[in-house]
Amino acid sequence: MKRIIAGLFIALLTLAAQAADTKHVDRWEKEIAAFEAADRVHPPQTNAILFIGSSGIRMWTTLAKDFPEHRVLNRGFGGSMIMDSTRFAERIVFPYKPKMIVLRAGTNDLAAGRTADQVIADFQAFVAKVHEQLPTTDILYVGMNPTPARWKQHAREVTVNTAIAAFAKTAPHVQYLDTNDQYLDANGQPRADLIAADGLHFNAAGYKALTALISPYLPKE
């Protein structure tokens, strides 16, 4: 009975997330297909650390160099939301059988009009879907960091971060990484020295800071 209830819960969360914006169904097909084509030419090793999420991951071109002691795989697709990673899990998560997933997404979701509660539910749906097939895969959620471009939604980002941090304390194989303080200056404003000229994405120093924050959470090879 518990398995049936759990299955229904997963299905309801996933359907709710996918029904929220049906326009996203085909938006990423070209990028996902490109990942699959690359995998056919050079099949990635399983049991690696999978980095997935929006542009903050996609633009992390130094990922392998930044984590030289780990086997890492970048499957970020810019502009995506948490629900997109859930939707495409069969194609860019499950085939890799990762030992750990590092997810950084959520700010696009809020910018697109999703409420904090919806984004929290979207993350829970992602966890549920992943753990349905990969029950021992660790999931590290990289909390949303403040940026000048989206400073107006910062309070909602903190609400989501706080809820996911609380969820991670009770959910097996789920961890939360707070980045808020690292990217704020002494006046409580976003640190311009860590953000690119567009006011949204990381610059090289921003990625260096993020590398230092994530490193302690990664498993030993």
C-alpha atoms as a PDB file:
ATOM      1  CA  MET A   1       0.000   0.000   0.000  1.00  0.00           C
ATOM      2  CA  LYS A   2       2.829   2.400   0.861  1.00  0.00           C
ATOM      3  CA  ARG A   3       4.417   1.783  -2.557  1.00  0.00           C
ATOM      4  CA  ILE A   4       1.102   2.509  -4.288  1.00  0.00           C
ATOM      5  CA  ILE A   5       0.642   5.753  -2.350  1.00  0.00           C
ATOM      6  CA  ALA A   6       4.232   6.781  -3.069  1.00  0.00           C
ATOM      7  CA  GLY A   7       3.739   6.060  -6.761  1.00  0.00           C
ATOM      8  CA  LEU A   8       0.579   8.154  -6.868  1.00  0.00           C
ATOM      9  CA  PHE A   9       2.380  10.994  -5.085  1.00  0.00           C
ATOM     10  CA  ILE A  10       5.185  10.962  -7.652  1.00  0.00           C
ATOM     11  CA  ALA A  11       2.711  10.887 -10.525  1.00  0.00           C
ATOM     12  CA  LEU A  12       0.676  13.794  -9.130  1.00  0.00           C
ATOM     13  CA  LEU A  13       3.744  15.976  -8.533  1.00  0.00           C
ATOM     14  CA  THR A  14       5.096  15.280 -12.000  1.00  0.00           C
ATOM     15  CA  LEU A  15       1.781  15.896 -13.735  1.00  0.00           C
ATOM     16  CA  ALA A  16       1.261  19.144 -11.841  1.00  0.00           C
ATOM     17  CA  ALA A  17       4.682  20.418 -12.886  1.00  0.00           C
ATOM     18  CA  GLN A  18       4.284  19.417 -16.515  1.00  0.00           C
ATOM     19  CA  ALA A  19       0.766  20.784 -16.821  1.00  0.00           C
ATOM     20  CA  ALA A  20       1.899  24.208 -15.635  1.00  0.00           C
ATOM     21  CA  ASP A  21       3.492  25.181 -18.944  1.00  0.00           C
ATOM     22  CA  THR A  22       2.867  22.892 -21.912  1.00  0.00           C
ATOM     23  CA  LYS A  23       4.753  25.308 -24.199  1.00  0.00           C
ATOM     24  CA  HIS A  24       7.981  23.936 -22.705  1.00  0.00           C
ATOM     25  CA  VAL A  25       7.400  20.425 -24.084  1.00  0.00           C
ATOM     26  CA  ASP A  26       9.252  20.971 -27.352  1.00  0.00           C
ATOM     27  CA  ARG A  27      11.332  24.030 -26.473  1.00  0.00           C
ATOM     28  CA  TRP A  28      14.379  22.019 -25.467  1.00  0.00           C
ATOM     29  CA  GLU A  29      14.121  19.157 -27.931  1.00  0.00           C
ATOM     30  CA  LYS A  30      17.038  20.377 -30.058  1.00  0.00           C
ATOM     31  CA  GLU A  31      19.380  20.624 -27.079  1.00  0.00           C
ATOM     32  CA  ILE A  32      18.319  17.300 -25.583  1.00  0.00           C
ATOM     33  CA  ALA A  33      18.723  15.595 -28.962  1.00  0.00           C
ATOM     34  CA  ALA A  34      22.221  17.098 -29.215  1.00  0.00           C
ATOM     35  CA  PHE A  35      23.141  15.554 -25.869  1.00  0.00           C
ATOM     36  CA  GLU A  36      21.873  12.190 -27.086  1.00  0.00           C
ATOM     37  CA  ALA A  37      23.830  12.472 -30.333  1.00  0.00           C
ATOM     38  CA  ALA A  38      27.005  13.284 -28.412  1.00  0.00           C
ATOM     39  CA  ASP A  39      26.393  10.303 -26.141  1.00  0.00           C
ATOM     40  CA  ARG A  40      26.146   7.985 -29.122  1.00  0.00           C
ATOM     41  CA  VAL A  41      29.511   9.171 -30.426  1.00  0.00           C
ATOM     42  CA  HIS A  42      31.256   9.268 -27.056  1.00  0.00           C
ATOM     43  CA  PRO A  43      29.224   7.334 -24.465  1.00  0.00           C
ATOM     44  CA  PRO A  44      29.905   8.924 -21.061  1.00  0.00           C
ATOM     45  CA  GLN A  45      30.919   6.764 -18.149  1.00  0.00           C
ATOM     46  CA  THR A  46      28.260   5.819 -15.652  1.00  0.00           C
ATOM     47  CA  ASN A  47      28.628   6.488 -11.932  1.00  0.00           C
ATOM     48  CA  ALA A  48      29.911  10.025 -12.550  1.00  0.00           C
ATOM     49  CA  ILE A  49      28.717  13.299 -11.028  1.00  0.00           C
ATOM     50  CA  LEU A  50      26.005  14.824 -13.188  1.00  0.00           C
ATOM     51  CA  PHE A  51      25.641  18.608 -13.221  1.00  0.00           C
ATOM     52  CA  ILE A  52      22.245  19.625 -14.506  1.00  0.00           C
ATOM     53  CA  GLY A  53      20.079  22.740 -14.576  1.00  0.00           C
ATOM     54  CA  SER A  54      19.918  26.082 -16.318  1.00  0.00           C
ATOM     55  CA  SER A  55      22.487  28.472 -17.823  1.00  0.00           C
ATOM     56  CA  GLY A  56      24.628  28.607 -14.709  1.00  0.00           C
ATOM     57  CA  ILE A  57      25.453  24.960 -15.415  1.00  0.00           C
ATOM     58  CA  ARG A  58      25.407  25.146 -19.220  1.00  0.00           C
ATOM     59  CA  MET A  59      27.943  27.985 -19.236  1.00  0.00           C
ATOM     60  CA  TRP A  60      30.288  26.235 -16.817  1.00  0.00           C
ATOM     61  CA  THR A  61      32.893  25.484 -19.459  1.00  0.00           C
ATOM     62  CA  THR A  62      35.657  24.858 -16.920  1.00  0.00           C
ATOM     63  CA  LEU A  63      33.686  22.217 -15.024  1.00  0.00           C
ATOM     64  CA  ALA A  64      36.060  19.297 -15.651  1.00  0.00           C
ATOM     65  CA  LYS A  65      39.108  21.437 -14.905  1.00  0.00           C
ATOM     66  CA  ASP A  66      37.538  22.796 -11.720  1.00  0.00           C
ATOM     67  CA  PHE A  67      36.915  19.286 -10.364  1.00  0.00           C
ATOM     68  CA  PRO A  68      39.978  17.363 -11.593  1.00  0.00           C
ATOM     69  CA  GLU A  69      39.602  14.615  -8.986  1.00  0.00           C
ATOM     70  CA  HIS A  70      36.096  13.728 -10.136  1.00  0.00           C
ATOM     71  CA  ARG A  71      34.399  12.391 -13.241  1.00  0.00           C
ATOM     72  CA  VAL A  72      31.852  15.068 -14.095  1.00  0.00           C
ATOM     73  CA  LEU A  73      29.229  15.417 -16.807  1.00  0.00           C
ATOM     74  CA  ASN A  74      27.574  18.699 -17.805  1.00  0.00           C
ATOM     75  CA  ARG A  75      23.983  18.487 -19.003  1.00  0.00           C
ATOM     76  CA  GLY A  76      22.823  22.019 -18.327  1.00  0.00           C
ATOM     77  CA  PHE A  77      20.516  23.696 -20.827  1.00  0.00           C
ATOM     78  CA  GLY A  78      20.198  27.449 -20.557  1.00  0.00           C
ATOM     79  CA  GLY A  79      16.903  29.027 -19.595  1.00  0.00           C
ATOM     80  CA  SER A  80      15.493  25.751 -18.304  1.00  0.00           C
ATOM     81  CA  MET A  81      13.400  25.275 -15.204  1.00  0.00           C
ATOM     82  CA  ILE A  82      13.432  22.505 -12.608  1.00  0.00           C
ATOM     83  CA  MET A  83      10.419  20.891 -14.282  1.00  0.00           C
ATOM     84  CA  ASP A  84      12.418  20.592 -17.509  1.00  0.00           C
ATOM     85  CA  SER A  85      15.084  18.502 -15.820  1.00  0.00           C
ATOM     86  CA  THR A  86      12.306  16.316 -14.435  1.00  0.00           C
ATOM     87  CA  ARG A  87      10.646  15.971 -17.821  1.00  0.00           C
ATOM     88  CA  PHE A  88      13.838  14.916 -19.585  1.00  0.00           C
ATOM     89  CA  ALA A  89      15.198  12.677 -16.840  1.00  0.00           C
ATOM     90  CA  GLU A  90      14.700   9.563 -18.966  1.00  0.00           C
ATOM     91  CA  ARG A  91      17.028  11.028 -21.572  1.00  0.00           C
ATOM     92  CA  ILE A  92      19.678  13.044 -19.716  1.00  0.00           C
ATOM     93  CA  VAL A  93      19.704  11.571 -16.209  1.00  0.00           C
ATOM     94  CA  PHE A  94      18.798   7.889 -16.054  1.00  0.00           C
ATOM     95  CA  PRO A  95      21.066   6.693 -18.906  1.00  0.00           C
ATOM     96  CA  TYR A  96      24.139   7.916 -17.005  1.00  0.00           C
ATOM     97  CA  LYS A  97      23.305   6.218 -13.681  1.00  0.00           C
ATOM     98  CA  PRO A  98      25.103   9.033 -11.842  1.00  0.00           C
ATOM     99  CA  LYS A  99      26.414   8.543  -8.340  1.00  0.00           C
ATOM    100  CA  MET A 100      25.434  12.143  -7.621  1.00  0.00           C
ATOM    101  CA  ILE A 101      23.370  14.886  -9.250  1.00  0.00           C
ATOM    102  CA  VAL A 102      24.185  18.555  -8.731  1.00  0.00           C
ATOM    103  CA  LEU A 103      21.114  20.599  -9.644  1.00  0.00           C
ATOM    104  CA  ARG A 104      21.186  24.352 -10.030  1.00  0.00           C
ATOM    105  CA  ALA A 105      17.895  25.797 -11.239  1.00  0.00           C
ATOM    106  CA  GLY A 106      14.913  27.751  -9.962  1.00  0.00           C
ATOM    107  CA  THR A 107      15.585  31.398 -10.708  1.00  0.00           C
ATOM    108  CA  ASN A 108      14.151  31.118 -14.236  1.00  0.00           C
ATOM    109  CA  ASP A 109      11.091  29.469 -12.749  1.00  0.00           C
ATOM    110  CA  LEU A 110      10.370  32.444 -10.483  1.00  0.00           C
ATOM    111  CA  ALA A 111      11.150  34.919 -13.257  1.00  0.00           C
ATOM    112  CA  ALA A 112       8.607  33.137 -15.463  1.00  0.00           C
ATOM    113  CA  GLY A 113       5.881  33.588 -12.870  1.00  0.00           C
ATOM    114  CA  ARG A 114       5.914  30.345 -10.911  1.00  0.00           C
ATOM    115  CA  THR A 115       5.249  30.840  -7.225  1.00  0.00           C
ATOM    116  CA  ALA A 116       7.654  29.837  -4.503  1.00  0.00           C
ATOM    117  CA  ASP A 117       5.347  26.965  -3.525  1.00  0.00           C
ATOM    118  CA  GLN A 118       5.274  25.715  -7.109  1.00  0.00           C
ATOM    119  CA  VAL A 119       9.065  25.784  -7.392  1.00  0.00           C
ATOM    120  CA  ILE A 120       9.393  23.884  -4.114  1.00  0.00           C
ATOM    121  CA  ALA A 121       6.928  21.282  -5.403  1.00  0.00           C
ATOM    122  CA  ASP A 122       8.842  21.102  -8.689  1.00  0.00           C
ATOM    123  CA  PHE A 123      12.031  20.247  -6.819  1.00  0.00           C
ATOM    124  CA  GLN A 124      10.252  17.589  -4.775  1.00  0.00           C
ATOM    125  CA  ALA A 125       8.893  16.127  -8.010  1.00  0.00           C
ATOM    126  CA  PHE A 126      12.425  15.999  -9.441  1.00  0.00           C
ATOM    127  CA  VAL A 127      13.696  14.175  -6.363  1.00  0.00           C
ATOM    128  CA  ALA A 128      10.784  11.756  -6.422  1.00  0.00           C
ATOM    129  CA  LYS A 129      11.260  10.927 -10.090  1.00  0.00           C
ATOM    130  CA  VAL A 130      15.019  10.424  -9.786  1.00  0.00           C
ATOM    131  CA  HIS A 131      14.771   8.292  -6.679  1.00  0.00           C
ATOM    132  CA  GLU A 132      12.054   6.142  -8.200  1.00  0.00           C
ATOM    133  CA  GLN A 133      14.702   4.679 -10.522  1.00  0.00           C
ATOM    134  CA  LEU A 134      17.933   5.678  -8.760  1.00  0.00           C
ATOM    135  CA  PRO A 135      17.072   5.425  -5.061  1.00  0.00           C
ATOM    136  CA  THR A 136      20.655   5.755  -3.783  1.00  0.00           C
ATOM    137  CA  THR A 137      21.798   8.595  -6.041  1.00  0.00           C
ATOM    138  CA  ASP A 138      22.639  11.670  -4.003  1.00  0.00           C
ATOM    139  CA  ILE A 139      21.045  14.942  -5.111  1.00  0.00           C
ATOM    140  CA  LEU A 140      22.701  18.230  -4.183  1.00  0.00           C
ATOM    141  CA  TYR A 141      20.552  21.308  -4.726  1.00  0.00           C
ATOM    142  CA  VAL A 142      22.635  24.443  -5.188  1.00  0.00           C
ATOM    143  CA  GLY A 143      20.582  27.210  -3.659  1.00  0.00           C
ATOM    144  CA  MET A 144      19.743  30.259  -5.714  1.00  0.00           C
ATOM    145  CA  ASN A 145      22.245  33.091  -5.271  1.00  0.00           C
ATOM    146  CA  PRO A 146      21.435  36.806  -5.374  1.00  0.00           C
ATOM    147  CA  THR A 147      22.061  38.672  -8.625  1.00  0.00           C
ATOM    148  CA  PRO A 148      21.632  42.329  -9.634  1.00  0.00           C
ATOM    149  CA  ALA A 149      19.413  41.411 -12.586  1.00  0.00           C
ATOM    150  CA  ARG A 150      16.902  39.526 -10.440  1.00  0.00           C
ATOM    151  CA  TRP A 151      17.284  41.290  -7.128  1.00  0.00           C
ATOM    152  CA  LYS A 152      13.529  42.012  -7.069  1.00  0.00           C
ATOM    153  CA  GLN A 153      12.768  38.306  -6.703  1.00  0.00           C
ATOM    154  CA  HIS A 154      15.449  37.655  -4.101  1.00  0.00           C
ATOM    155  CA  ALA A 155      12.968  37.367  -1.222  1.00  0.00           C
ATOM    156  CA  ARG A 156      11.120  34.618  -3.104  1.00  0.00           C
ATOM    157  CA  GLU A 157      14.416  32.899  -3.862  1.00  0.00           C
ATOM    158  CA  VAL A 158      15.205  32.871  -0.142  1.00  0.00           C
ATOM    159  CA  THR A 159      11.759  31.396   0.563  1.00  0.00           C
ATOM    160  CA  VAL A 160      12.411  28.559  -1.898  1.00  0.00           C
ATOM    161  CA  ASN A 161      15.941  28.003  -0.616  1.00  0.00           C
ATOM    162  CA  THR A 162      14.765  27.823   2.990  1.00  0.00           C
ATOM    163  CA  ALA A 163      12.029  25.308   2.187  1.00  0.00           C
ATOM    164  CA  ILE A 164      14.337  23.085   0.139  1.00  0.00           C
ATOM    165  CA  ALA A 165      16.949  23.208   2.907  1.00  0.00           C
ATOM    166  CA  ALA A 166      14.314  21.989   5.374  1.00  0.00           C
ATOM    167  CA  PHE A 167      13.157  19.291   2.958  1.00  0.00           C
ATOM    168  CA  ALA A 168      16.744  18.099   2.471  1.00  0.00           C
ATOM    169  CA  LYS A 169      17.113  17.499   6.201  1.00  0.00           C
ATOM    170  CA  THR A 170      14.362  14.882   6.109  1.00  0.00           C
ATOM    171  CA  ALA A 171      14.726  13.408   2.604  1.00  0.00           C
ATOM    172  CA  PRO A 172      17.228  10.561   2.143  1.00  0.00           C
ATOM    173  CA  HIS A 173      20.080  11.236  -0.297  1.00  0.00           C
ATOM    174  CA  VAL A 174      19.180  14.926  -0.654  1.00  0.00           C
ATOM    175  CA  GLN A 175      21.445  17.798   0.369  1.00  0.00           C
ATOM    176  CA  TYR A 176      21.153  21.551   0.172  1.00  0.00           C
ATOM    177  CA  LEU A 177      24.009  23.976  -0.484  1.00  0.00           C
ATOM    178  CA  ASP A 178      23.479  27.587   0.556  1.00  0.00           C
ATOM    179  CA  THR A 179      25.144  30.178  -1.677  1.00  0.00           C
ATOM    180  CA  ASN A 180      23.317  33.286  -0.503  1.00  0.00           C
ATOM    181  CA  ASP A 181      25.910  34.771   1.867  1.00  0.00           C
ATOM    182  CA  GLN A 182      28.832  34.019  -0.441  1.00  0.00           C
ATOM    183  CA  TYR A 183      27.344  36.209  -3.163  1.00  0.00           C
ATOM    184  CA  LEU A 184      26.336  39.151  -0.943  1.00  0.00           C
ATOM    185  CA  ASP A 185      28.648  42.037  -0.072  1.00  0.00           C
ATOM    186  CA  ALA A 186      29.070  43.754   3.301  1.00  0.00           C
ATOM    187  CA  ASN A 187      26.051  45.954   2.536  1.00  0.00           C
ATOM    188  CA  GLY A 188      23.784  43.001   1.814  1.00  0.00           C
ATOM    189  CA  GLN A 189      23.810  43.599  -1.946  1.00  0.00           C
ATOM    190  CA  PRO A 190      24.794  41.173  -4.743  1.00  0.00           C
ATOM    191  CA  ARG A 191      28.559  41.023  -5.220  1.00  0.00           C
ATOM    192  CA  ALA A 192      29.282  42.581  -8.607  1.00  0.00           C
ATOM    193  CA  ASP A 193      32.790  41.099  -8.605  1.00  0.00           C
ATOM    194  CA  LEU A 194      31.349  37.578  -8.910  1.00  0.00           C
ATOM    195  CA  ILE A 195      28.716  38.291 -11.562  1.00  0.00           C
ATOM    196  CA  ALA A 196      29.150  38.891 -15.293  1.00  0.00           C
ATOM    197  CA  ALA A 197      28.325  42.177 -17.001  1.00  0.00           C
ATOM    198  CA  ASP A 198      24.779  40.981 -17.719  1.00  0.00           C
ATOM    199  CA  GLY A 199      24.055  41.106 -13.985  1.00  0.00           C
ATOM    200  CA  LEU A 200      22.796  37.523 -13.983  1.00  0.00           C
ATOM    201  CA  HIS A 201      25.406  34.908 -14.781  1.00  0.00           C
ATOM    202  CA  PHE A 202      28.692  34.072 -13.065  1.00  0.00           C
ATOM    203  CA  ASN A 203      32.013  35.424 -14.235  1.00  0.00           C
ATOM    204  CA  ALA A 204      35.253  33.447 -13.765  1.00  0.00           C
ATOM    205  CA  ALA A 205      35.550  34.547 -10.139  1.00  0.00           C
ATOM    206  CA  GLY A 206      31.934  33.583  -9.538  1.00  0.00           C
ATOM    207  CA  TYR A 207      32.560  30.057 -10.804  1.00  0.00           C
ATOM    208  CA  LYS A 208      35.712  29.826  -8.709  1.00  0.00           C
ATOM    209  CA  ALA A 209      33.671  30.705  -5.617  1.00  0.00           C
ATOM    210  CA  LEU A 210      31.001  28.171  -6.571  1.00  0.00           C
ATOM    211  CA  THR A 211      33.622  25.472  -7.075  1.00  0.00           C
ATOM    212  CA  ALA A 212      34.907  26.052  -3.546  1.00  0.00           C
ATOM    213  CA  LEU A 213      31.375  25.796  -2.147  1.00  0.00           C
ATOM    214  CA  ILE A 214      30.469  22.594  -3.982  1.00  0.00           C
ATOM    215  CA  SER A 215      33.736  20.696  -3.556  1.00  0.00           C
ATOM    216  CA  PRO A 216      33.198  19.577   0.076  1.00  0.00           C
ATOM    217  CA  TYR A 217      29.882  17.968  -0.878  1.00  0.00           C
ATOM    218  CA  LEU A 218      31.267  15.756  -3.634  1.00  0.00           C
ATOM    219  CA  PRO A 219      31.948  12.089  -2.882  1.00  0.00           C
ATOM    220  CA  LYS A 220      35.456  10.734  -2.862  1.00  0.00           C
ATOM    221  CA  GLU A 221      36.366   8.920  -6.064  1.00  0.00           C
END
